[in-house]
N, C-alpha and C. Protein backbone atom coordinates (compact mmCIF):
# COMPACT_ATOMS: atom_id res chain seq x y z
N MET A 1 9.66 -50.66 -79.24
CA MET A 1 11.03 -51.14 -79.26
C MET A 1 11.16 -52.30 -78.27
N SER A 2 11.68 -53.41 -78.72
CA SER A 2 11.84 -54.55 -77.82
C SER A 2 13.30 -54.69 -77.41
N ILE A 3 13.48 -55.09 -76.17
CA ILE A 3 14.83 -55.31 -75.65
C ILE A 3 15.16 -56.77 -75.85
N GLU A 4 16.27 -57.03 -76.52
CA GLU A 4 16.68 -58.41 -76.76
C GLU A 4 17.27 -58.99 -75.48
N LYS A 5 16.77 -60.14 -75.08
CA LYS A 5 17.28 -60.78 -73.87
C LYS A 5 18.58 -61.50 -74.19
N GLN A 6 19.49 -61.39 -73.26
CA GLN A 6 20.78 -62.05 -73.42
C GLN A 6 20.70 -63.46 -72.85
N THR A 7 21.20 -64.42 -73.62
CA THR A 7 21.25 -65.80 -73.15
C THR A 7 22.60 -66.01 -72.47
N LEU A 8 22.55 -66.46 -71.23
CA LEU A 8 23.77 -66.66 -70.45
C LEU A 8 24.04 -68.14 -70.22
N ARG A 9 25.32 -68.43 -70.03
CA ARG A 9 25.75 -69.76 -69.59
C ARG A 9 25.95 -69.65 -68.08
N LEU A 10 25.06 -70.31 -67.34
CA LEU A 10 25.07 -70.19 -65.88
C LEU A 10 25.53 -71.49 -65.23
N LEU A 11 26.24 -71.33 -64.13
CA LEU A 11 26.61 -72.46 -63.28
C LEU A 11 25.82 -72.33 -61.99
N LEU A 12 24.98 -73.31 -61.72
CA LEU A 12 24.19 -73.35 -60.49
C LEU A 12 24.88 -74.31 -59.52
N VAL A 13 25.41 -73.77 -58.44
CA VAL A 13 26.08 -74.59 -57.44
C VAL A 13 25.10 -74.73 -56.27
N GLU A 14 24.46 -75.88 -56.21
CA GLU A 14 23.35 -76.11 -55.28
C GLU A 14 23.26 -77.60 -54.98
N ASP A 15 23.19 -77.99 -53.70
CA ASP A 15 23.15 -79.40 -53.34
C ASP A 15 21.74 -79.95 -53.21
N ASN A 16 20.75 -79.10 -52.99
CA ASN A 16 19.39 -79.56 -52.77
C ASN A 16 18.67 -79.79 -54.10
N GLU A 17 18.20 -81.02 -54.33
CA GLU A 17 17.58 -81.37 -55.62
C GLU A 17 16.33 -80.57 -55.92
N LEU A 18 15.51 -80.32 -54.92
CA LEU A 18 14.30 -79.53 -55.14
C LEU A 18 14.65 -78.10 -55.56
N ASN A 19 15.64 -77.51 -54.88
CA ASN A 19 16.10 -76.17 -55.24
C ASN A 19 16.72 -76.16 -56.64
N GLN A 20 17.43 -77.24 -56.99
CA GLN A 20 18.00 -77.35 -58.34
C GLN A 20 16.90 -77.33 -59.39
N LYS A 21 15.88 -78.16 -59.18
CA LYS A 21 14.79 -78.26 -60.16
C LYS A 21 14.05 -76.95 -60.32
N PHE A 22 13.77 -76.27 -59.20
CA PHE A 22 13.07 -75.00 -59.25
C PHE A 22 13.89 -73.97 -60.03
N ALA A 23 15.17 -73.83 -59.65
CA ALA A 23 16.04 -72.84 -60.31
C ALA A 23 16.21 -73.17 -61.79
N MET A 24 16.39 -74.44 -62.11
CA MET A 24 16.55 -74.85 -63.52
C MET A 24 15.32 -74.46 -64.33
N ALA A 25 14.14 -74.71 -63.80
CA ALA A 25 12.91 -74.37 -64.52
C ALA A 25 12.83 -72.87 -64.77
N VAL A 26 13.13 -72.09 -63.76
CA VAL A 26 13.08 -70.64 -63.90
C VAL A 26 14.13 -70.15 -64.90
N LEU A 27 15.35 -70.63 -64.76
CA LEU A 27 16.45 -70.17 -65.61
C LEU A 27 16.27 -70.58 -67.07
N ARG A 28 15.80 -71.79 -67.28
CA ARG A 28 15.56 -72.23 -68.66
C ARG A 28 14.41 -71.45 -69.29
N LYS A 29 13.39 -71.15 -68.50
CA LYS A 29 12.28 -70.35 -69.01
C LYS A 29 12.77 -68.96 -69.43
N MET A 30 13.80 -68.47 -68.74
CA MET A 30 14.40 -67.18 -69.08
C MET A 30 15.28 -67.29 -70.33
N GLY A 31 15.54 -68.54 -70.77
CA GLY A 31 16.32 -68.75 -71.97
C GLY A 31 17.80 -69.02 -71.75
N HIS A 32 18.19 -69.20 -70.51
CA HIS A 32 19.60 -69.44 -70.20
C HIS A 32 19.94 -70.92 -70.28
N THR A 33 21.21 -71.23 -70.51
CA THR A 33 21.68 -72.60 -70.39
C THR A 33 22.30 -72.74 -69.00
N VAL A 34 22.07 -73.88 -68.39
CA VAL A 34 22.47 -74.06 -66.99
C VAL A 34 23.16 -75.40 -66.80
N GLU A 35 24.25 -75.37 -66.04
CA GLU A 35 24.88 -76.60 -65.56
C GLU A 35 24.78 -76.59 -64.05
N ILE A 36 24.66 -77.78 -63.48
CA ILE A 36 24.54 -77.92 -62.03
C ILE A 36 25.81 -78.53 -61.45
N ALA A 37 26.22 -77.99 -60.32
CA ALA A 37 27.27 -78.59 -59.51
C ALA A 37 26.65 -78.83 -58.14
N ALA A 38 26.75 -80.06 -57.64
CA ALA A 38 26.07 -80.44 -56.40
C ALA A 38 26.78 -79.98 -55.13
N ASN A 39 27.97 -79.42 -55.26
CA ASN A 39 28.65 -78.83 -54.10
C ASN A 39 29.75 -77.88 -54.61
N GLY A 40 30.35 -77.16 -53.69
CA GLY A 40 31.36 -76.17 -54.06
C GLY A 40 32.57 -76.75 -54.75
N LEU A 41 32.98 -77.94 -54.33
CA LEU A 41 34.15 -78.58 -54.94
C LEU A 41 33.90 -78.85 -56.43
N ILE A 42 32.74 -79.39 -56.74
CA ILE A 42 32.38 -79.65 -58.13
C ILE A 42 32.23 -78.32 -58.88
N GLY A 43 31.68 -77.32 -58.21
CA GLY A 43 31.53 -76.00 -58.82
C GLY A 43 32.86 -75.41 -59.24
N VAL A 44 33.85 -75.50 -58.37
CA VAL A 44 35.19 -74.98 -58.70
C VAL A 44 35.78 -75.75 -59.88
N GLU A 45 35.61 -77.07 -59.89
CA GLU A 45 36.11 -77.88 -61.02
C GLU A 45 35.44 -77.49 -62.33
N LYS A 46 34.13 -77.30 -62.31
CA LYS A 46 33.41 -76.90 -63.53
C LYS A 46 33.87 -75.52 -63.99
N PHE A 47 34.12 -74.62 -63.04
CA PHE A 47 34.62 -73.29 -63.37
C PHE A 47 35.96 -73.38 -64.10
N LYS A 48 36.81 -74.32 -63.66
CA LYS A 48 38.12 -74.50 -64.30
C LYS A 48 37.99 -75.08 -65.71
N GLU A 49 36.98 -75.93 -65.91
CA GLU A 49 36.84 -76.66 -67.17
C GLU A 49 36.34 -75.82 -68.33
N LYS A 50 35.42 -74.91 -68.07
CA LYS A 50 34.83 -74.15 -69.17
C LYS A 50 34.31 -72.81 -68.70
N PRO A 51 34.14 -71.89 -69.63
CA PRO A 51 33.68 -70.54 -69.23
C PRO A 51 32.18 -70.49 -68.96
N PHE A 52 31.82 -69.73 -67.95
CA PHE A 52 30.44 -69.42 -67.63
C PHE A 52 30.32 -67.91 -67.57
N ASP A 53 29.10 -67.41 -67.75
CA ASP A 53 28.87 -65.98 -67.66
C ASP A 53 28.58 -65.54 -66.23
N MET A 54 28.07 -66.47 -65.42
CA MET A 54 27.67 -66.12 -64.06
C MET A 54 27.53 -67.41 -63.24
N ILE A 55 27.73 -67.28 -61.94
CA ILE A 55 27.56 -68.41 -61.02
C ILE A 55 26.52 -68.04 -59.97
N LEU A 56 25.58 -68.95 -59.76
CA LEU A 56 24.61 -68.84 -58.66
C LEU A 56 25.07 -69.83 -57.60
N MET A 57 25.44 -69.31 -56.42
CA MET A 57 26.14 -70.12 -55.43
C MET A 57 25.35 -70.25 -54.13
N ASP A 58 24.98 -71.48 -53.81
CA ASP A 58 24.41 -71.76 -52.49
C ASP A 58 25.55 -71.62 -51.47
N ILE A 59 25.21 -71.43 -50.22
CA ILE A 59 26.24 -71.27 -49.20
C ILE A 59 26.46 -72.56 -48.42
N GLN A 60 25.39 -73.15 -47.94
CA GLN A 60 25.50 -74.33 -47.08
C GLN A 60 25.45 -75.60 -47.92
N MET A 61 26.64 -76.20 -48.15
CA MET A 61 26.73 -77.43 -48.95
C MET A 61 27.77 -78.35 -48.36
N PRO A 62 27.66 -79.64 -48.65
CA PRO A 62 28.68 -80.58 -48.16
C PRO A 62 29.98 -80.44 -48.95
N GLU A 63 31.04 -80.96 -48.41
CA GLU A 63 32.37 -81.04 -49.01
C GLU A 63 33.07 -79.69 -49.13
N MET A 64 32.45 -78.71 -49.77
CA MET A 64 33.00 -77.36 -49.83
C MET A 64 31.81 -76.41 -49.91
N ASN A 65 31.71 -75.50 -48.94
CA ASN A 65 30.57 -74.59 -48.94
C ASN A 65 30.77 -73.45 -49.95
N GLY A 66 29.76 -72.62 -50.10
CA GLY A 66 29.80 -71.56 -51.10
C GLY A 66 30.83 -70.48 -50.82
N ILE A 67 31.08 -70.21 -49.56
CA ILE A 67 32.11 -69.21 -49.19
C ILE A 67 33.48 -69.72 -49.62
N GLU A 68 33.79 -70.97 -49.28
CA GLU A 68 35.09 -71.56 -49.66
C GLU A 68 35.23 -71.66 -51.18
N ALA A 69 34.16 -72.04 -51.85
CA ALA A 69 34.20 -72.17 -53.31
C ALA A 69 34.43 -70.81 -53.97
N THR A 70 33.78 -69.78 -53.45
CA THR A 70 33.97 -68.44 -54.01
C THR A 70 35.40 -67.99 -53.82
N ARG A 71 35.95 -68.21 -52.65
CA ARG A 71 37.35 -67.82 -52.40
C ARG A 71 38.29 -68.56 -53.35
N ALA A 72 38.02 -69.85 -53.58
CA ALA A 72 38.86 -70.64 -54.50
C ALA A 72 38.76 -70.09 -55.93
N ILE A 73 37.57 -69.73 -56.35
CA ILE A 73 37.38 -69.18 -57.70
C ILE A 73 38.10 -67.83 -57.82
N ARG A 74 37.99 -67.00 -56.82
CA ARG A 74 38.68 -65.70 -56.86
C ARG A 74 40.20 -65.87 -56.90
N GLN A 75 40.72 -66.89 -56.19
CA GLN A 75 42.16 -67.17 -56.23
C GLN A 75 42.58 -67.62 -57.63
N LEU A 76 41.75 -68.47 -58.26
CA LEU A 76 42.05 -68.92 -59.62
C LEU A 76 42.06 -67.74 -60.59
N GLU A 77 41.13 -66.84 -60.43
CA GLU A 77 41.09 -65.66 -61.29
C GLU A 77 42.36 -64.82 -61.11
N GLU A 78 42.79 -64.67 -59.87
CA GLU A 78 44.00 -63.91 -59.58
C GLU A 78 45.22 -64.57 -60.21
N LEU A 79 45.29 -65.90 -60.11
CA LEU A 79 46.42 -66.63 -60.69
C LEU A 79 46.49 -66.47 -62.20
N GLU A 80 45.32 -66.44 -62.85
CA GLU A 80 45.28 -66.24 -64.30
C GLU A 80 45.79 -64.86 -64.66
N GLY A 81 45.53 -63.89 -63.78
CA GLY A 81 46.05 -62.55 -63.96
C GLY A 81 45.56 -61.82 -65.19
N GLN A 82 44.42 -62.20 -65.71
CA GLN A 82 43.91 -61.56 -66.93
C GLN A 82 42.80 -60.57 -66.62
N GLY A 83 42.64 -60.22 -65.36
CA GLY A 83 41.61 -59.27 -64.98
C GLY A 83 40.19 -59.81 -65.09
N LYS A 84 40.07 -61.12 -65.22
CA LYS A 84 38.73 -61.72 -65.32
C LYS A 84 38.07 -61.73 -63.95
N HIS A 85 36.77 -61.55 -63.96
CA HIS A 85 36.00 -61.59 -62.72
C HIS A 85 34.60 -62.07 -63.09
N ILE A 86 34.31 -63.32 -62.74
CA ILE A 86 32.97 -63.84 -63.01
C ILE A 86 32.04 -63.38 -61.90
N THR A 87 30.84 -63.01 -62.28
CA THR A 87 29.84 -62.60 -61.30
C THR A 87 29.35 -63.83 -60.54
N ILE A 88 29.40 -63.74 -59.21
CA ILE A 88 28.90 -64.80 -58.34
C ILE A 88 27.80 -64.20 -57.46
N ILE A 89 26.61 -64.80 -57.56
CA ILE A 89 25.49 -64.37 -56.74
C ILE A 89 25.20 -65.44 -55.70
N ALA A 90 25.25 -65.05 -54.43
CA ALA A 90 24.88 -65.97 -53.34
C ALA A 90 23.37 -66.17 -53.39
N VAL A 91 22.95 -67.42 -53.34
CA VAL A 91 21.53 -67.76 -53.28
C VAL A 91 21.39 -68.67 -52.06
N THR A 92 20.88 -68.11 -50.96
CA THR A 92 20.96 -68.83 -49.71
C THR A 92 19.80 -68.54 -48.76
N ALA A 93 19.51 -69.51 -47.92
CA ALA A 93 18.50 -69.33 -46.88
C ALA A 93 19.08 -68.55 -45.70
N PHE A 94 20.39 -68.43 -45.65
CA PHE A 94 21.04 -67.66 -44.59
C PHE A 94 21.01 -66.20 -44.97
N ALA A 95 20.01 -65.47 -44.45
CA ALA A 95 19.75 -64.12 -44.95
C ALA A 95 19.93 -63.02 -43.91
N MET A 96 20.68 -63.28 -42.87
CA MET A 96 20.95 -62.24 -41.88
C MET A 96 22.02 -61.30 -42.44
N ASP A 97 22.11 -60.10 -41.87
CA ASP A 97 23.10 -59.11 -42.35
C ASP A 97 24.52 -59.67 -42.31
N GLN A 98 24.85 -60.42 -41.25
CA GLN A 98 26.20 -60.99 -41.14
C GLN A 98 26.45 -62.03 -42.24
N ASP A 99 25.42 -62.79 -42.59
CA ASP A 99 25.56 -63.77 -43.68
C ASP A 99 25.87 -63.06 -44.99
N LYS A 100 25.14 -61.98 -45.25
CA LYS A 100 25.38 -61.20 -46.47
C LYS A 100 26.79 -60.63 -46.46
N LYS A 101 27.22 -60.10 -45.33
CA LYS A 101 28.57 -59.55 -45.21
C LYS A 101 29.63 -60.64 -45.47
N ASN A 102 29.42 -61.83 -44.91
CA ASN A 102 30.36 -62.93 -45.13
C ASN A 102 30.47 -63.28 -46.61
N CYS A 103 29.33 -63.26 -47.32
CA CYS A 103 29.33 -63.56 -48.75
C CYS A 103 30.11 -62.50 -49.52
N MET A 104 29.85 -61.25 -49.21
CA MET A 104 30.53 -60.16 -49.92
C MET A 104 32.03 -60.16 -49.59
N ASP A 105 32.37 -60.44 -48.33
CA ASP A 105 33.78 -60.49 -47.94
C ASP A 105 34.52 -61.62 -48.66
N ALA A 106 33.81 -62.68 -49.00
CA ALA A 106 34.43 -63.82 -49.71
C ALA A 106 34.62 -63.51 -51.20
N GLY A 107 34.00 -62.43 -51.68
CA GLY A 107 34.18 -62.07 -53.08
C GLY A 107 32.94 -62.21 -53.94
N MET A 108 31.79 -62.46 -53.30
CA MET A 108 30.56 -62.55 -54.08
C MET A 108 30.11 -61.15 -54.49
N ASP A 109 29.35 -61.08 -55.56
CA ASP A 109 28.94 -59.80 -56.12
C ASP A 109 27.54 -59.37 -55.69
N ASP A 110 26.70 -60.32 -55.35
CA ASP A 110 25.33 -60.00 -54.98
C ASP A 110 24.77 -61.12 -54.13
N PHE A 111 23.55 -60.94 -53.66
CA PHE A 111 22.97 -61.83 -52.65
C PHE A 111 21.47 -61.93 -52.88
N LEU A 112 20.96 -63.15 -52.90
CA LEU A 112 19.52 -63.40 -53.02
C LEU A 112 19.10 -64.40 -51.95
N ALA A 113 18.14 -64.01 -51.14
CA ALA A 113 17.68 -64.88 -50.05
C ALA A 113 16.65 -65.87 -50.55
N LYS A 114 16.77 -67.11 -50.07
CA LYS A 114 15.75 -68.15 -50.32
C LYS A 114 14.72 -68.06 -49.21
N PRO A 115 13.48 -68.37 -49.48
CA PRO A 115 12.95 -68.69 -50.80
C PRO A 115 12.77 -67.41 -51.60
N TYR A 116 12.89 -67.53 -52.90
CA TYR A 116 12.75 -66.38 -53.77
C TYR A 116 11.68 -66.66 -54.82
N LYS A 117 11.17 -65.60 -55.39
CA LYS A 117 10.20 -65.71 -56.47
C LYS A 117 10.95 -65.65 -57.80
N PRO A 118 10.43 -66.29 -58.85
CA PRO A 118 11.13 -66.28 -60.13
C PRO A 118 11.56 -64.89 -60.60
N PHE A 119 10.70 -63.88 -60.44
CA PHE A 119 11.06 -62.55 -60.92
C PHE A 119 12.23 -61.96 -60.12
N GLU A 120 12.38 -62.37 -58.84
CA GLU A 120 13.50 -61.88 -58.04
C GLU A 120 14.82 -62.43 -58.56
N LEU A 121 14.81 -63.71 -58.94
CA LEU A 121 16.01 -64.31 -59.52
C LEU A 121 16.33 -63.65 -60.86
N GLU A 122 15.31 -63.45 -61.68
CA GLU A 122 15.52 -62.80 -62.98
C GLU A 122 16.09 -61.39 -62.80
N ASP A 123 15.55 -60.64 -61.85
CA ASP A 123 16.07 -59.28 -61.59
C ASP A 123 17.54 -59.31 -61.16
N LYS A 124 17.88 -60.23 -60.26
CA LYS A 124 19.29 -60.32 -59.80
C LYS A 124 20.21 -60.61 -60.96
N ILE A 125 19.83 -61.54 -61.81
CA ILE A 125 20.67 -61.89 -62.95
C ILE A 125 20.78 -60.69 -63.90
N ASN A 126 19.65 -60.10 -64.25
CA ASN A 126 19.67 -58.96 -65.18
C ASN A 126 20.46 -57.78 -64.64
N ASN A 127 20.41 -57.54 -63.32
CA ASN A 127 21.14 -56.43 -62.72
C ASN A 127 22.63 -56.69 -62.64
N ASN A 128 23.05 -57.93 -62.85
CA ASN A 128 24.47 -58.28 -62.72
C ASN A 128 25.12 -58.67 -64.04
N ILE A 129 24.41 -58.51 -65.15
CA ILE A 129 25.02 -58.81 -66.46
C ILE A 129 26.03 -57.72 -66.77
N LYS A 130 27.20 -58.18 -67.19
CA LYS A 130 28.26 -57.22 -67.52
C LYS A 130 28.40 -57.06 -69.01
């Protein structure tokens, strides 16, 4: 019996080009479609423009960091009032317990420390599919 893989529409909010390329290669190999936002501000705008199944959010970015972007997205969801909740996974080099707590307090659903291996990213995504 084979398990059919689900194809997701992912938003990758990441400012580092090397990290973007690595994540894109992994995610596309998994069969997902991916859009990139180079900072949190762009990420929030893309979230407003079209639906995504999940967001992979870096924390340390220019203009608007991942914590601020997550809070903005959660506020938008609340304003819509339709009970929608997009899964947001923090993907960050800041991997101390307090960093993880800050991400969760901002409304993120899960946390993946950089650097990560492709299977770790795949596991995080698969464990968070709703």
